[in-house]
PDB file of all heavy atoms in Angstrom:
ATOM      1  N   SER A   1      13.914  -9.582  13.562  1.00  0.00           N
ATOM      2  CA  SER A   1      14.809 -10.734  13.484  1.00  0.00           C
ATOM      3  C   SER A   1      15.715 -10.751  14.703  1.00  0.00           C
ATOM      4  O   SER A   1      16.445  -9.786  14.956  1.00  0.00           O
ATOM      5  CB  SER A   1      15.658 -10.669  12.209  1.00  0.00           C
ATOM      6  OG  SER A   1      16.746 -11.575  12.266  1.00  0.00           O
ATOM      7  N   VAL A   2      15.657 -11.847  15.447  1.00  0.00           N
ATOM      8  CA  VAL A   2      16.582 -12.018  16.565  1.00  0.00           C
ATOM      9  C   VAL A   2      18.012 -12.093  16.053  1.00  0.00           C
ATOM     10  O   VAL A   2      18.932 -11.481  16.610  1.00  0.00           O
ATOM     11  CB  VAL A   2      16.221 -13.286  17.372  1.00  0.00           C
ATOM     12  CG1 VAL A   2      17.343 -13.665  18.328  1.00  0.00           C
ATOM     13  CG2 VAL A   2      14.930 -13.067  18.152  1.00  0.00           C
ATOM     14  N   ALA A   3      18.233 -12.841  14.968  1.00  0.00           N
ATOM     15  CA  ALA A   3      19.585 -12.995  14.432  1.00  0.00           C
ATOM     16  C   ALA A   3      20.169 -11.647  14.024  1.00  0.00           C
ATOM     17  O   ALA A   3      21.371 -11.392  14.209  1.00  0.00           O
ATOM     18  CB  ALA A   3      19.569 -13.951  13.248  1.00  0.00           C
ATOM     19  N   ARG A   4      19.338 -10.774  13.477  1.00  0.00           N
ATOM     20  CA  ARG A   4      19.834  -9.479  12.993  1.00  0.00           C
ATOM     21  C   ARG A   4      20.427  -8.625  14.107  1.00  0.00           C
ATOM     22  O   ARG A   4      21.277  -7.751  13.859  1.00  0.00           O
ATOM     23  CB  ARG A   4      18.695  -8.728  12.293  1.00  0.00           C
ATOM     24  CG  ARG A   4      19.134  -7.455  11.594  1.00  0.00           C
ATOM     25  CD  ARG A   4      18.024  -6.917  10.724  1.00  0.00           C
ATOM     26  NE  ARG A   4      16.832  -6.594  11.473  1.00  0.00           N
ATOM     27  CZ  ARG A   4      15.582  -6.781  11.034  1.00  0.00           C
ATOM     28  NH1 ARG A   4      15.369  -7.304   9.840  1.00  0.00           N
ATOM     29  NH2 ARG A   4      14.554  -6.448  11.778  1.00  0.00           N
ATOM     30  N   LEU A   5      20.027  -8.858  15.352  1.00  0.00           N
ATOM     31  CA  LEU A   5      20.573  -8.106  16.471  1.00  0.00           C
ATOM     32  C   LEU A   5      22.085  -8.282  16.570  1.00  0.00           C
ATOM     33  O   LEU A   5      22.787  -7.388  17.055  1.00  0.00           O
ATOM     34  CB  LEU A   5      19.898  -8.535  17.775  1.00  0.00           C
ATOM     35  CG  LEU A   5      18.398  -8.214  17.884  1.00  0.00           C
ATOM     36  CD1 LEU A   5      17.820  -8.805  19.157  1.00  0.00           C
ATOM     37  CD2 LEU A   5      18.145  -6.715  17.821  1.00  0.00           C
ATOM     38  N   SER A   6      22.585  -9.430  16.100  1.00  0.00           N
ATOM     39  CA  SER A   6      24.032  -9.652  16.138  1.00  0.00           C
ATOM     40  C   SER A   6      24.767  -8.704  15.198  1.00  0.00           C
ATOM     41  O   SER A   6      25.938  -8.376  15.442  1.00  0.00           O
ATOM     42  CB  SER A   6      24.357 -11.109  15.785  1.00  0.00           C
ATOM     43  OG  SER A   6      23.943 -11.983  16.825  1.00  0.00           O
ATOM     44  N   LEU A   7      24.121  -8.283  14.135  1.00  0.00           N
ATOM     45  CA  LEU A   7      24.709  -7.277  13.263  1.00  0.00           C
ATOM     46  C   LEU A   7      24.557  -5.884  13.864  1.00  0.00           C
ATOM     47  O   LEU A   7      25.503  -5.087  13.872  1.00  0.00           O
ATOM     48  CB  LEU A   7      24.062  -7.320  11.882  1.00  0.00           C
ATOM     49  CG  LEU A   7      24.221  -8.610  11.070  1.00  0.00           C
ATOM     50  CD1 LEU A   7      23.533  -8.458   9.713  1.00  0.00           C
ATOM     51  CD2 LEU A   7      25.687  -8.967  10.882  1.00  0.00           C
ATOM     52  N   LEU A   8      23.372  -5.582  14.363  1.00  0.00           N
ATOM     53  CA  LEU A   8      23.119  -4.245  14.901  1.00  0.00           C
ATOM     54  C   LEU A   8      24.018  -3.945  16.096  1.00  0.00           C
ATOM     55  O   LEU A   8      24.509  -2.811  16.240  1.00  0.00           O
ATOM     56  CB  LEU A   8      21.646  -4.105  15.285  1.00  0.00           C
ATOM     57  CG  LEU A   8      20.638  -4.246  14.137  1.00  0.00           C
ATOM     58  CD1 LEU A   8      19.222  -4.077  14.660  1.00  0.00           C
ATOM     59  CD2 LEU A   8      20.921  -3.255  13.018  1.00  0.00           C
ATOM     60  N   GLN A   9      24.247  -4.935  16.946  1.00  0.00           N
ATOM     61  CA  GLN A   9      25.100  -4.689  18.101  1.00  0.00           C
ATOM     62  C   GLN A   9      26.555  -4.452  17.704  1.00  0.00           C
ATOM     63  O   GLN A   9      27.351  -3.944  18.503  1.00  0.00           O
ATOM     64  CB  GLN A   9      25.015  -5.843  19.095  1.00  0.00           C
ATOM     65  CG  GLN A   9      25.793  -7.084  18.684  1.00  0.00           C
ATOM     66  CD  GLN A   9      25.818  -8.137  19.775  1.00  0.00           C
ATOM     67  OE1 GLN A   9      24.938  -8.167  20.641  1.00  0.00           O
ATOM     68  NE2 GLN A   9      26.809  -9.006  19.754  1.00  0.00           N
ATOM     69  N   ARG A  10      26.905  -4.823  16.480  1.00  0.00           N
ATOM     70  CA  ARG A  10      28.253  -4.563  15.960  1.00  0.00           C
ATOM     71  C   ARG A  10      28.290  -3.298  15.114  1.00  0.00           C
ATOM     72  O   ARG A  10      29.230  -3.082  14.356  1.00  0.00           O
ATOM     73  CB  ARG A  10      28.734  -5.778  15.155  1.00  0.00           C
ATOM     74  CG  ARG A  10      29.032  -6.983  16.045  1.00  0.00           C
ATOM     75  CD  ARG A  10      29.360  -8.245  15.258  1.00  0.00           C
ATOM     76  NE  ARG A  10      29.852  -9.288  16.136  1.00  0.00           N
ATOM     77  CZ  ARG A  10      29.084 -10.118  16.842  1.00  0.00           C
ATOM     78  NH1 ARG A  10      27.750 -10.027  16.728  1.00  0.00           N
ATOM     79  NH2 ARG A  10      29.617 -11.020  17.640  1.00  0.00           N
ATOM     80  N   GLY A  11      27.258  -2.481  15.248  1.00  0.00           N
ATOM     81  CA  GLY A  11      27.267  -1.177  14.618  1.00  0.00           C
ATOM     82  C   GLY A  11      26.771  -1.131  13.193  1.00  0.00           C
ATOM     83  O   GLY A  11      26.919  -0.106  12.513  1.00  0.00           O
ATOM     84  N   PHE A  12      26.149  -2.200  12.719  1.00  0.00           N
ATOM     85  CA  PHE A  12      25.668  -2.235  11.340  1.00  0.00           C
ATOM     86  C   PHE A  12      24.449  -1.343  11.146  1.00  0.00           C
ATOM     87  O   PHE A  12      23.602  -1.194  12.038  1.00  0.00           O
ATOM     88  CB  PHE A  12      25.276  -3.662  10.950  1.00  0.00           C
ATOM     89  CG  PHE A  12      26.388  -4.487  10.371  1.00  0.00           C
ATOM     90  CD1 PHE A  12      27.464  -4.880  11.163  1.00  0.00           C
ATOM     91  CD2 PHE A  12      26.377  -4.881   9.047  1.00  0.00           C
ATOM     92  CE1 PHE A  12      28.484  -5.654  10.650  1.00  0.00           C
ATOM     93  CE2 PHE A  12      27.395  -5.647   8.517  1.00  0.00           C
ATOM     94  CZ  PHE A  12      28.459  -6.042   9.319  1.00  0.00           C
ATOM     95  N   VAL A  13      24.359  -0.790   9.958  1.00  0.00           N
ATOM     96  CA  VAL A  13      23.107  -0.256   9.428  1.00  0.00           C
ATOM     97  C   VAL A  13      22.546  -1.332   8.512  1.00  0.00           C
ATOM     98  O   VAL A  13      23.211  -1.762   7.568  1.00  0.00           O
ATOM     99  CB  VAL A  13      23.343   1.046   8.648  1.00  0.00           C
ATOM    100  CG1 VAL A  13      22.056   1.485   7.949  1.00  0.00           C
ATOM    101  CG2 VAL A  13      23.862   2.140   9.565  1.00  0.00           C
ATOM    102  N   TYR A  14      21.333  -1.787   8.817  1.00  0.00           N
ATOM    103  CA  TYR A  14      20.690  -2.849   8.038  1.00  0.00           C
ATOM    104  C   TYR A  14      19.594  -2.220   7.192  1.00  0.00           C
ATOM    105  O   TYR A  14      18.752  -1.471   7.700  1.00  0.00           O
ATOM    106  CB  TYR A  14      20.106  -3.905   8.972  1.00  0.00           C
ATOM    107  CG  TYR A  14      19.506  -5.105   8.271  1.00  0.00           C
ATOM    108  CD1 TYR A  14      20.249  -6.263   8.068  1.00  0.00           C
ATOM    109  CD2 TYR A  14      18.185  -5.087   7.815  1.00  0.00           C
ATOM    110  CE1 TYR A  14      19.707  -7.364   7.433  1.00  0.00           C
ATOM    111  CE2 TYR A  14      17.639  -6.184   7.174  1.00  0.00           C
ATOM    112  CZ  TYR A  14      18.405  -7.316   6.991  1.00  0.00           C
ATOM    113  OH  TYR A  14      17.866  -8.416   6.343  1.00  0.00           O
ATOM    114  N   ALA A  15      19.612  -2.514   5.888  1.00  0.00           N
ATOM    115  CA  ALA A  15      18.670  -1.852   4.973  1.00  0.00           C
ATOM    116  C   ALA A  15      18.020  -2.861   4.040  1.00  0.00           C
ATOM    117  O   ALA A  15      18.663  -3.816   3.593  1.00  0.00           O
ATOM    118  CB  ALA A  15      19.398  -0.786   4.158  1.00  0.00           C
ATOM    119  N   VAL A  16      16.743  -2.638   3.757  1.00  0.00           N
ATOM    120  CA  VAL A  16      15.993  -3.438   2.792  1.00  0.00           C
ATOM    121  C   VAL A  16      15.585  -2.524   1.642  1.00  0.00           C
ATOM    122  O   VAL A  16      14.887  -1.527   1.850  1.00  0.00           O
ATOM    123  CB  VAL A  16      14.738  -4.073   3.423  1.00  0.00           C
ATOM    124  CG1 VAL A  16      13.988  -4.895   2.389  1.00  0.00           C
ATOM    125  CG2 VAL A  16      15.112  -4.934   4.620  1.00  0.00           C
ATOM    126  N   ALA A  17      16.039  -2.862   0.439  1.00  0.00           N
ATOM    127  CA  ALA A  17      15.682  -2.093  -0.753  1.00  0.00           C
ATOM    128  C   ALA A  17      14.407  -2.676  -1.354  1.00  0.00           C
ATOM    129  O   ALA A  17      14.372  -3.853  -1.718  1.00  0.00           O
ATOM    130  CB  ALA A  17      16.822  -2.142  -1.764  1.00  0.00           C
ATOM    131  N   HIS A  18      13.377  -1.880  -1.458  1.00  0.00           N
ATOM    132  CA  HIS A  18      12.080  -2.339  -1.978  1.00  0.00           C
ATOM    133  C   HIS A  18      12.029  -2.039  -3.483  1.00  0.00           C
ATOM    134  O   HIS A  18      11.279  -1.173  -3.952  1.00  0.00           O
ATOM    135  CB  HIS A  18      10.946  -1.674  -1.220  1.00  0.00           C
ATOM    136  CG  HIS A  18      11.015  -1.888   0.262  1.00  0.00           C
ATOM    137  ND1 HIS A  18      10.726  -3.097   0.848  1.00  0.00           N
ATOM    138  CD2 HIS A  18      11.390  -1.056   1.265  1.00  0.00           C
ATOM    139  CE1 HIS A  18      10.883  -2.999   2.167  1.00  0.00           C
ATOM    140  NE2 HIS A  18      11.294  -1.777   2.445  1.00  0.00           N
ATOM    141  N   VAL A  19      12.794  -2.810  -4.217  1.00  0.00           N
ATOM    142  CA  VAL A  19      13.029  -2.538  -5.641  1.00  0.00           C
ATOM    143  C   VAL A  19      11.841  -2.984  -6.495  1.00  0.00           C
ATOM    144  O   VAL A  19      11.015  -3.800  -6.075  1.00  0.00           O
ATOM    145  CB  VAL A  19      14.315  -3.243  -6.109  1.00  0.00           C
ATOM    146  CG1 VAL A  19      15.528  -2.699  -5.370  1.00  0.00           C
ATOM    147  CG2 VAL A  19      14.217  -4.761  -5.892  1.00  0.00           C
ATOM    148  N   ARG A  20      11.796  -2.437  -7.722  1.00  0.00           N
ATOM    149  CA  ARG A  20      10.755  -2.849  -8.655  1.00  0.00           C
ATOM    150  C   ARG A  20      10.896  -4.329  -9.007  1.00  0.00           C
ATOM    151  O   ARG A  20      11.998  -4.867  -9.074  1.00  0.00           O
ATOM    152  CB  ARG A  20      10.812  -1.977  -9.911  1.00  0.00           C
ATOM    153  CG  ARG A  20      10.206  -0.605  -9.724  1.00  0.00           C
ATOM    154  CD  ARG A  20      10.400   0.301 -10.920  1.00  0.00           C
ATOM    155  NE  ARG A  20      11.757   0.850 -10.985  1.00  0.00           N
ATOM    156  CZ  ARG A  20      12.163   1.752 -11.867  1.00  0.00           C
ATOM    157  NH1 ARG A  20      11.315   2.198 -12.791  1.00  0.00           N
ATOM    158  NH2 ARG A  20      13.405   2.201 -11.848  1.00  0.00           N
ATOM    159  N   GLY A  21       9.776  -4.969  -9.237  1.00  0.00           N
ATOM    160  CA  GLY A  21       9.717  -6.416  -9.390  1.00  0.00           C
ATOM    161  C   GLY A  21       9.077  -7.060  -8.185  1.00  0.00           C
ATOM    162  O   GLY A  21       8.492  -8.132  -8.263  1.00  0.00           O
ATOM    163  N   GLY A  22       9.183  -6.385  -7.031  1.00  0.00           N
ATOM    164  CA  GLY A  22       8.407  -6.765  -5.856  1.00  0.00           C
ATOM    165  C   GLY A  22       7.024  -6.145  -5.928  1.00  0.00           C
ATOM    166  O   GLY A  22       6.656  -5.504  -6.915  1.00  0.00           O
ATOM    167  N   GLY A  23       6.259  -6.310  -4.845  1.00  0.00           N
ATOM    168  CA  GLY A  23       4.893  -5.790  -4.861  1.00  0.00           C
ATOM    169  C   GLY A  23       4.650  -4.660  -3.892  1.00  0.00           C
ATOM    170  O   GLY A  23       3.490  -4.306  -3.638  1.00  0.00           O
ATOM    171  N   GLU A  24       5.707  -4.074  -3.348  1.00  0.00           N
ATOM    172  CA  GLU A  24       5.542  -3.112  -2.273  1.00  0.00           C
ATOM    173  C   GLU A  24       4.647  -1.937  -2.640  1.00  0.00           C
ATOM    174  O   GLU A  24       3.858  -1.468  -1.811  1.00  0.00           O
ATOM    175  CB  GLU A  24       6.919  -2.592  -1.833  1.00  0.00           C
ATOM    176  CG  GLU A  24       7.734  -3.574  -1.002  1.00  0.00           C
ATOM    177  CD  GLU A  24       8.582  -4.516  -1.822  1.00  0.00           C
ATOM    178  OE1 GLU A  24       8.315  -4.654  -3.042  1.00  0.00           O
ATOM    179  OE2 GLU A  24       9.500  -5.124  -1.258  1.00  0.00           O
ATOM    180  N   LEU A  25       4.752  -1.440  -3.869  1.00  0.00           N
ATOM    181  CA  LEU A  25       3.985  -0.254  -4.265  1.00  0.00           C
ATOM    182  C   LEU A  25       2.918  -0.571  -5.304  1.00  0.00           C
ATOM    183  O   LEU A  25       2.525   0.288  -6.098  1.00  0.00           O
ATOM    184  CB  LEU A  25       4.934   0.827  -4.785  1.00  0.00           C
ATOM    185  CG  LEU A  25       5.898   1.410  -3.743  1.00  0.00           C
ATOM    186  CD1 LEU A  25       6.821   2.439  -4.373  1.00  0.00           C
ATOM    187  CD2 LEU A  25       5.142   2.026  -2.573  1.00  0.00           C
ATOM    188  N   GLY A  26       2.418  -1.804  -5.289  1.00  0.00           N
ATOM    189  CA  GLY A  26       1.307  -2.147  -6.165  1.00  0.00           C
ATOM    190  C   GLY A  26       1.717  -2.920  -7.395  1.00  0.00           C
ATOM    191  O   GLY A  26       2.886  -3.222  -7.626  1.00  0.00           O
ATOM    192  N   ARG A  27       0.715  -3.231  -8.199  1.00  0.00           N
ATOM    193  CA  ARG A  27       0.933  -4.086  -9.362  1.00  0.00           C
ATOM    194  C   ARG A  27       1.858  -3.440 -10.393  1.00  0.00           C
ATOM    195  O   ARG A  27       2.684  -4.128 -11.010  1.00  0.00           O
ATOM    196  CB  ARG A  27      -0.412  -4.428 -10.009  1.00  0.00           C
ATOM    197  CG  ARG A  27      -0.300  -5.357 -11.206  1.00  0.00           C
ATOM    198  CD  ARG A  27       0.196  -6.739 -10.799  1.00  0.00           C
ATOM    199  NE  ARG A  27       0.343  -7.632 -11.928  1.00  0.00           N
ATOM    200  CZ  ARG A  27       0.055  -8.927 -11.895  1.00  0.00           C
ATOM    201  NH1 ARG A  27      -0.390  -9.487 -10.783  1.00  0.00           N
ATOM    202  NH2 ARG A  27       0.220  -9.688 -12.954  1.00  0.00           N
ATOM    203  N   ALA A  28       1.759  -2.157 -10.589  1.00  0.00           N
ATOM    204  CA  ALA A  28       2.630  -1.503 -11.561  1.00  0.00           C
ATOM    205  C   ALA A  28       4.086  -1.588 -11.130  1.00  0.00           C
ATOM    206  O   ALA A  28       4.992  -1.676 -11.970  1.00  0.00           O
ATOM    207  CB  ALA A  28       2.211  -0.046 -11.757  1.00  0.00           C
ATOM    208  N   TRP A  29       4.324  -1.549  -9.819  1.00  0.00           N
ATOM    209  CA  TRP A  29       5.683  -1.688  -9.292  1.00  0.00           C
ATOM    210  C   TRP A  29       6.278  -3.035  -9.694  1.00  0.00           C
ATOM    211  O   TRP A  29       7.459  -3.130 -10.048  1.00  0.00           O
ATOM    212  CB  TRP A  29       5.651  -1.535  -7.781  1.00  0.00           C
ATOM    213  CG  TRP A  29       6.980  -1.290  -7.136  1.00  0.00           C
ATOM    214  CD1 TRP A  29       7.684  -2.153  -6.349  1.00  0.00           C
ATOM    215  CD2 TRP A  29       7.761  -0.094  -7.194  1.00  0.00           C
ATOM    216  NE1 TRP A  29       8.855  -1.576  -5.919  1.00  0.00           N
ATOM    217  CE2 TRP A  29       8.929  -0.306  -6.423  1.00  0.00           C
ATOM    218  CE3 TRP A  29       7.594   1.137  -7.829  1.00  0.00           C
ATOM    219  CZ2 TRP A  29       9.917   0.667  -6.268  1.00  0.00           C
ATOM    220  CZ3 TRP A  29       8.577   2.100  -7.670  1.00  0.00           C
ATOM    221  CH2 TRP A  29       9.719   1.861  -6.913  1.00  0.00           C
ATOM    222  N   TYR A  30       5.446  -4.042  -9.652  1.00  0.00           N
ATOM    223  CA  TYR A  30       5.854  -5.381 -10.104  1.00  0.00           C
ATOM    224  C   TYR A  30       6.037  -5.410 -11.618  1.00  0.00           C
ATOM    225  O   TYR A  30       7.070  -5.882 -12.131  1.00  0.00           O
ATOM    226  CB  TYR A  30       4.802  -6.387  -9.659  1.00  0.00           C
ATOM    227  CG  TYR A  30       4.881  -7.752 -10.309  1.00  0.00           C
ATOM    228  CD1 TYR A  30       6.066  -8.481 -10.344  1.00  0.00           C
ATOM    229  CD2 TYR A  30       3.742  -8.331 -10.878  1.00  0.00           C
ATOM    230  CE1 TYR A  30       6.126  -9.740 -10.928  1.00  0.00           C
ATOM    231  CE2 TYR A  30       3.789  -9.587 -11.454  1.00  0.00           C
ATOM    232  CZ  TYR A  30       4.981 -10.283 -11.482  1.00  0.00           C
ATOM    233  OH  TYR A  30       5.033 -11.531 -12.061  1.00  0.00           O
ATOM    234  N   ASP A  31       5.064  -4.903 -12.344  1.00  0.00           N
ATOM    235  CA  ASP A  31       5.129  -4.954 -13.809  1.00  0.00           C
ATOM    236  C   ASP A  31       6.351  -4.227 -14.352  1.00  0.00           C
ATOM    237  O   ASP A  31       6.900  -4.613 -15.393  1.00  0.00           O
ATOM    238  CB  ASP A  31       3.857  -4.349 -14.416  1.00  0.00           C
ATOM    239  CG  ASP A  31       2.638  -5.245 -14.239  1.00  0.00           C
ATOM    240  OD1 ASP A  31       2.820  -6.455 -13.975  1.00  0.00           O
ATOM    241  OD2 ASP A  31       1.506  -4.737 -14.359  1.00  0.00           O
ATOM    242  N   HIS A  32       6.795  -3.202 -13.666  1.00  0.00           N
ATOM    243  CA  HIS A  32       7.951  -2.437 -14.130  1.00  0.00           C
ATOM    244  C   HIS A  32       9.269  -3.060 -13.688  1.00  0.00           C
ATOM    245  O   HIS A  32      10.336  -2.448 -13.890  1.00  0.00           O
ATOM    246  CB  HIS A  32       7.859  -0.987 -13.640  1.00  0.00           C
ATOM    247  CG  HIS A  32       6.741  -0.225 -14.270  1.00  0.00           C
ATOM    248  ND1 HIS A  32       6.172   0.893 -13.692  1.00  0.00           N
ATOM    249  CD2 HIS A  32       6.061  -0.425 -15.437  1.00  0.00           C
ATOM    250  CE1 HIS A  32       5.203   1.345 -14.472  1.00  0.00           C
ATOM    251  NE2 HIS A  32       5.122   0.564 -15.535  1.00  0.00           N
ATOM    252  N   GLY A  33       9.195  -4.273 -13.137  1.00  0.00           N
ATOM    253  CA  GLY A  33      10.411  -4.989 -12.757  1.00  0.00           C
ATOM    254  C   GLY A  33      10.376  -6.431 -13.221  1.00  0.00           C
ATOM    255  O   GLY A  33      10.940  -7.323 -12.576  1.00  0.00           O
ATOM    256  N   LYS A  34       9.710  -6.682 -14.351  1.00  0.00           N
ATOM    257  CA  LYS A  34       9.640  -8.036 -14.909  1.00  0.00           C
ATOM    258  C   LYS A  34       9.749  -7.942 -16.430  1.00  0.00           C
ATOM    259  O   LYS A  34       9.774  -6.840 -16.998  1.00  0.00           O
ATOM    260  CB  LYS A  34       8.330  -8.735 -14.504  1.00  0.00           C
ATOM    261  CG  LYS A  34       7.088  -8.050 -15.052  1.00  0.00           C
ATOM    262  CD  LYS A  34       5.793  -8.717 -14.613  1.00  0.00           C
ATOM    263  CE  LYS A  34       5.574 -10.073 -15.246  1.00  0.00           C
ATOM    264  NZ  LYS A  34       4.194 -10.564 -15.083  1.00  0.00           N
ATOM    265  N   LEU A  35       9.834  -9.107 -17.071  1.00  0.00           N
ATOM    266  CA  LEU A  35       9.876  -9.183 -18.528  1.00  0.00           C
ATOM    267  C   LEU A  35      10.907  -8.191 -19.084  1.00  0.00           C
ATOM    268  O   LEU A  35      12.067  -8.211 -18.692  1.00  0.00           O
ATOM    269  CB  LEU A  35       8.473  -8.958 -19.102  1.00  0.00           C
ATOM    270  CG  LEU A  35       7.428 -10.036 -18.732  1.00  0.00           C
ATOM    271  CD1 LEU A  35       6.037  -9.610 -19.165  1.00  0.00           C
ATOM    272  CD2 LEU A  35       7.788 -11.385 -19.322  1.00  0.00           C
TER     273      LEU A  35
END
């Protein structure tokens, strides 16, 4: 992200949490974050 550089240049740590409900670790990862 070009825009994100404005945060990084100000000393930010930028983090993405790959939480359950998404698909990052497969279908079970999704199933354990729904319903």
